[in-house]
């Protein structure tokens, strides 16, 4: 049965989110002052942010939806029908400041005002960096009109929409956009993949799932019966328990693969 649709993950598949976060950390940590080692501060803030994030009662929900602690360092969570999003909306300003306060404290710096300033700087810097991979539009142009295209992304509706608004040329390529926070479940839950297939009006055998995360994109795609393509740009180690059908290093490798299927 020929392939009639391609489902794409968003973050670090089409958008270069990892670069956005890394550069925002680099700029913000340097802004802490000459007396602060920026690498040590970044490491400390990342560690403290994870621990604090996991301590909140909203953590199981954020795991299910697929929202990571560094997205919460700049997201506002103003959309989404679930009560947990309203809790996160209230928690977010405190979480941002407290993550930076604890990170500074780990380096022996106790400065509430600096923590507040850095938390605001990080959020602003992340918003100013909506990077997209150089090959993204080239590949989408080659696929458009030949197969249906669907964007399947984990996250808060407001945050993911903000990312998409940063690259407005992206949305028109897709027949459908599915955001986990709007659906109520995130990858790798099988249901969100079946929902996507229903929107596309295809069987699993007619679809390809492309993503960079084995634990969400590939695991969920496999569970739904899709052909899975793991884009591994950075040479990550494979997981013997999650075996994608194909592994590629660049999106450009997707075109001949889809044509062969």
Protein backbone atom coordinates (compact mmCIF):
# COMPACT_ATOMS: atom_id res chain seq x y z
CA UNK A 1 0.00 0.00 0.00
CA UNK A 2 1.55 3.33 -1.04
CA UNK A 3 2.39 6.07 1.45
CA UNK A 4 -0.19 8.86 1.29
CA UNK A 5 0.70 10.94 4.38
CA UNK A 6 3.70 12.03 6.43
CA UNK A 7 3.37 13.02 10.08
CA UNK A 8 6.08 15.30 11.46
CA UNK A 9 7.15 16.08 14.99
CA UNK A 10 7.92 19.79 15.53
CA UNK A 11 10.64 20.42 18.12
CA UNK A 12 14.12 19.37 16.97
CA UNK A 13 12.63 17.76 13.87
CA UNK A 14 11.48 20.84 11.92
CA UNK A 15 12.23 23.58 14.46
CA UNK A 16 15.68 23.71 16.05
CA UNK A 17 14.41 24.12 19.60
CA UNK A 18 17.55 22.79 21.25
CA UNK A 19 19.62 25.56 19.69
CA UNK A 20 17.10 28.17 20.84
CA UNK A 21 17.31 26.96 24.42
CA UNK A 22 21.11 26.64 24.43
CA UNK A 23 21.62 30.16 23.08
CA UNK A 24 19.10 31.63 25.52
CA UNK A 25 20.97 29.97 28.40
CA UNK A 26 24.33 31.16 27.09
CA UNK A 27 23.21 34.79 26.75
CA UNK A 28 21.38 34.86 30.08
CA UNK A 29 24.16 33.24 32.09
CA UNK A 30 26.70 35.71 30.69
CA UNK A 31 24.35 38.51 31.71
CA UNK A 32 24.72 37.39 35.34
CA UNK A 33 28.02 39.28 35.50
CA UNK A 34 31.74 38.78 35.18
CA UNK A 35 32.03 37.21 38.62
CA UNK A 36 29.78 34.29 37.59
CA UNK A 37 31.00 31.34 35.56
CA UNK A 38 28.28 31.07 32.87
CA UNK A 39 28.78 27.34 32.26
CA UNK A 40 28.50 26.55 35.96
CA UNK A 41 25.41 28.72 36.30
CA UNK A 42 23.70 27.05 33.35
CA UNK A 43 24.43 23.62 34.75
CA UNK A 44 23.10 24.64 38.17
CA UNK A 45 19.92 26.24 36.79
CA UNK A 46 19.17 23.25 34.58
CA UNK A 47 19.55 20.93 37.57
CA UNK A 48 17.48 23.08 39.93
CA UNK A 49 14.78 23.66 37.29
CA UNK A 50 14.35 19.93 36.74
CA UNK A 51 14.11 19.18 40.44
CA UNK A 52 11.64 21.98 41.10
CA UNK A 53 9.54 21.08 38.06
CA UNK A 54 9.27 17.47 39.17
CA UNK A 55 8.21 18.52 42.68
CA UNK A 56 4.97 20.17 41.51
CA UNK A 57 1.71 18.24 41.58
CA UNK A 58 1.29 19.15 37.91
CA UNK A 59 4.32 17.04 36.96
CA UNK A 60 2.42 13.85 36.02
CA UNK A 61 0.21 15.95 33.74
CA UNK A 62 3.17 17.67 32.11
CA UNK A 63 4.75 14.27 31.52
CA UNK A 64 1.59 13.01 29.84
CA UNK A 65 1.26 16.11 27.65
CA UNK A 66 4.99 16.29 26.95
CA UNK A 67 6.13 19.63 28.39
CA UNK A 68 9.74 19.76 29.56
CA UNK A 69 11.12 21.92 32.39
CA UNK A 70 12.98 24.28 30.07
CA UNK A 71 9.83 25.11 28.13
CA UNK A 72 8.30 26.07 31.46
CA UNK A 73 11.19 28.52 31.95
CA UNK A 74 9.67 30.72 29.25
CA UNK A 75 6.11 29.50 28.59
CA UNK A 76 3.03 31.18 30.04
CA UNK A 77 0.48 28.34 29.63
CA UNK A 78 -2.41 30.66 28.88
CA UNK A 79 -4.29 28.12 26.72
CA UNK A 80 -5.60 24.60 27.20
CA UNK A 81 -8.86 23.52 28.79
CA UNK A 82 -7.45 21.29 31.54
CA UNK A 83 -7.27 22.63 35.10
CA UNK A 84 -3.59 21.73 35.23
CA UNK A 85 -2.84 24.42 32.66
CA UNK A 86 -4.43 27.01 34.94
CA UNK A 87 -2.26 25.73 37.80
CA UNK A 88 0.82 25.95 35.59
CA UNK A 89 -0.14 29.46 34.50
CA UNK A 90 -0.09 30.53 38.15
CA UNK A 91 3.08 28.58 38.96
CA UNK A 92 5.12 29.72 35.96
CA UNK A 93 6.35 33.14 37.23
CA UNK A 94 7.40 31.67 40.58
CA UNK A 95 8.98 28.64 38.93
CA UNK A 96 11.05 30.79 36.59
CA UNK A 97 12.40 33.04 39.33
CA UNK A 98 12.94 30.20 41.81
CA UNK A 99 14.88 28.10 39.27
CA UNK A 100 17.31 30.95 38.71
CA UNK A 101 17.43 31.84 42.42
CA UNK A 102 18.35 28.27 43.32
CA UNK A 103 20.86 28.07 40.51
CA UNK A 104 22.58 31.22 41.73
CA UNK A 105 22.45 29.99 45.32
CA UNK A 106 24.18 26.77 44.30
CA UNK A 107 27.10 28.99 43.24
CA UNK A 108 27.00 30.89 46.52
CA UNK A 109 25.12 33.92 45.17
CA UNK A 110 22.00 35.03 47.04
CA UNK A 111 20.41 37.78 45.01
CA UNK A 112 16.63 37.83 44.56
CA UNK A 113 16.68 40.78 42.16
CA UNK A 114 19.28 39.15 39.94
CA UNK A 115 17.27 35.93 39.87
CA UNK A 116 14.16 37.83 38.77
CA UNK A 117 16.11 39.72 36.12
CA UNK A 118 17.71 36.57 34.72
CA UNK A 119 14.39 34.73 34.62
CA UNK A 120 12.91 37.54 32.51
CA UNK A 121 16.00 37.72 30.31
CA UNK A 122 15.92 33.99 29.58
CA UNK A 123 12.26 34.08 28.57
CA UNK A 124 12.81 37.07 26.29
CA UNK A 125 15.94 35.58 24.72
CA UNK A 126 14.23 32.26 24.02
CA UNK A 127 11.34 34.05 22.35
CA UNK A 128 13.74 35.99 20.13
CA UNK A 129 15.29 32.79 18.72
CA UNK A 130 12.74 30.86 16.59
CA UNK A 131 15.26 28.75 14.66
CA UNK A 132 14.29 26.37 11.89
CA UNK A 133 16.53 23.83 10.20
CA UNK A 134 17.90 24.95 6.86
CA UNK A 135 16.46 21.88 5.10
CA UNK A 136 12.94 22.08 6.55
CA UNK A 137 11.24 24.14 3.85
CA UNK A 138 13.12 22.37 1.07
CA UNK A 139 11.74 19.01 2.18
CA UNK A 140 8.22 20.29 2.82
CA UNK A 141 8.18 21.86 -0.64
CA UNK A 142 9.10 18.52 -2.18
CA UNK A 143 6.40 16.67 -0.25
CA UNK A 144 3.59 19.19 -0.61
CA UNK A 145 1.03 18.10 -3.13
CA UNK A 146 2.35 14.55 -3.25
CA UNK A 147 1.24 13.42 0.22
CA UNK A 148 -0.89 14.78 3.04
CA UNK A 149 1.10 16.48 5.79
CA UNK A 150 0.28 16.58 9.50
CA UNK A 151 2.16 18.23 12.36
CA UNK A 152 2.00 16.21 15.58
CA UNK A 153 3.57 18.01 18.54
CA UNK A 154 3.63 17.61 22.30
CA UNK A 155 3.15 20.66 24.48
CA UNK A 156 0.93 23.42 25.77
CA UNK A 157 -1.32 24.85 23.02
CA UNK A 158 -0.23 28.43 23.79
CA UNK A 159 3.48 27.59 23.83
CA UNK A 160 3.45 25.46 20.70
CA UNK A 161 1.38 28.07 18.89
CA UNK A 162 3.88 30.74 19.94
CA UNK A 163 6.68 28.64 18.44
CA UNK A 164 4.71 28.28 15.21
CA UNK A 165 3.91 32.00 15.13
CA UNK A 166 7.66 32.63 15.23
CA UNK A 167 7.95 30.88 11.86
CA UNK A 168 4.64 31.80 10.14
CA UNK A 169 5.68 30.22 6.83
CA UNK A 170 5.48 26.75 8.37
CA UNK A 171 1.77 26.25 9.13
CA UNK A 172 0.45 26.54 5.53
CA UNK A 173 2.29 23.36 4.55
CA UNK A 174 0.14 21.22 6.83
CA UNK A 175 -3.32 19.80 6.33
CA UNK A 176 -3.68 19.41 10.09
CA UNK A 177 -1.87 20.45 13.27
CA UNK A 178 -2.36 18.32 16.39
CA UNK A 179 -1.06 19.64 19.74
CA UNK A 180 -1.10 17.25 22.68
CA UNK A 181 -2.31 19.90 25.12
CA UNK A 182 -5.40 20.45 23.00
CA UNK A 183 -6.05 16.74 22.45
CA UNK A 184 -5.57 15.79 26.11
CA UNK A 185 -2.85 13.16 25.68
CA UNK A 186 0.66 13.35 24.32
CA UNK A 187 3.07 11.15 22.42
CA UNK A 188 3.77 8.24 22.88
CA UNK A 189 0.13 7.58 23.78
CA UNK A 190 -1.37 5.58 20.94
CA UNK A 191 -4.61 7.56 21.00
CA UNK A 192 -3.09 10.81 19.74
CA UNK A 193 -1.60 8.96 16.77
CA UNK A 194 -4.93 7.29 15.99
CA UNK A 195 -6.58 10.71 16.20
CA UNK A 196 -4.07 12.01 13.63
CA UNK A 197 -4.74 9.06 11.33
CA UNK A 198 -8.47 9.72 11.61
CA UNK A 199 -7.98 13.36 10.61
CA UNK A 200 -5.91 12.27 7.62
CA UNK A 201 -8.45 9.57 6.73
CA UNK A 202 -5.73 6.97 6.22
CA UNK A 203 -4.81 3.55 7.57
CA UNK A 204 -1.57 3.18 9.58
CA UNK A 205 0.03 1.42 6.61
CA UNK A 206 -0.40 4.58 4.54
CA UNK A 207 1.43 6.86 6.98
CA UNK A 208 5.00 7.69 7.99
CA UNK A 209 5.91 9.23 11.35
CA UNK A 210 9.08 11.34 11.39
CA UNK A 211 10.59 12.49 14.67
CA UNK A 212 13.78 12.91 16.69
CA UNK A 213 12.70 11.25 19.96
CA UNK A 214 12.63 7.48 20.23
CA UNK A 215 10.62 7.53 23.46
CA UNK A 216 7.76 9.62 22.10
CA UNK A 217 7.70 9.92 18.30
CA UNK A 218 8.97 6.47 17.43
CA UNK A 219 7.48 4.47 20.30
CA UNK A 220 4.05 5.97 19.72
CA UNK A 221 4.27 5.63 15.95
CA UNK A 222 5.17 1.97 16.28
CA UNK A 223 2.27 1.36 18.65
CA UNK A 224 -0.12 2.91 16.14
CA UNK A 225 1.20 0.78 13.27
CA UNK A 226 2.88 3.60 11.35
CA UNK A 227 6.13 3.34 9.45
CA UNK A 228 8.60 5.20 11.67
CA UNK A 229 11.60 7.32 10.68
CA UNK A 230 14.00 8.43 13.41
CA UNK A 231 15.92 11.57 12.49
CA UNK A 232 19.16 11.34 14.43
CA UNK A 233 21.17 14.43 13.56
CA UNK A 234 23.47 14.31 16.58
CA UNK A 235 24.49 10.66 16.68
CA UNK A 236 22.39 9.64 19.68
CA UNK A 237 22.76 6.09 20.90
CA UNK A 238 20.01 3.73 19.71
CA UNK A 239 17.64 2.07 22.15
CA UNK A 240 17.37 -1.68 21.60
CA UNK A 241 13.86 -1.60 23.06
CA UNK A 242 12.62 0.95 20.50
CA UNK A 243 13.47 0.00 16.93
CA UNK A 244 12.45 2.50 14.23
CA UNK A 245 11.89 1.19 10.74
CA UNK A 246 14.42 3.69 9.39
CA UNK A 247 17.08 6.04 10.76
CA UNK A 248 18.26 9.15 8.89
CA UNK A 249 20.74 11.94 9.65
CA UNK A 250 19.12 14.67 7.55
CA UNK A 251 15.57 15.45 6.47
CA UNK A 252 16.79 15.34 2.87
CA UNK A 253 17.17 11.59 3.29
CA UNK A 254 13.41 11.35 3.80
CA UNK A 255 12.45 12.05 0.18
CA UNK A 256 13.98 8.98 -1.49
CA UNK A 257 12.80 6.89 1.45
CA UNK A 258 9.16 7.99 1.07
CA UNK A 259 9.36 7.49 -2.71
CA UNK A 260 10.67 3.96 -2.22
CA UNK A 261 7.79 3.15 0.11
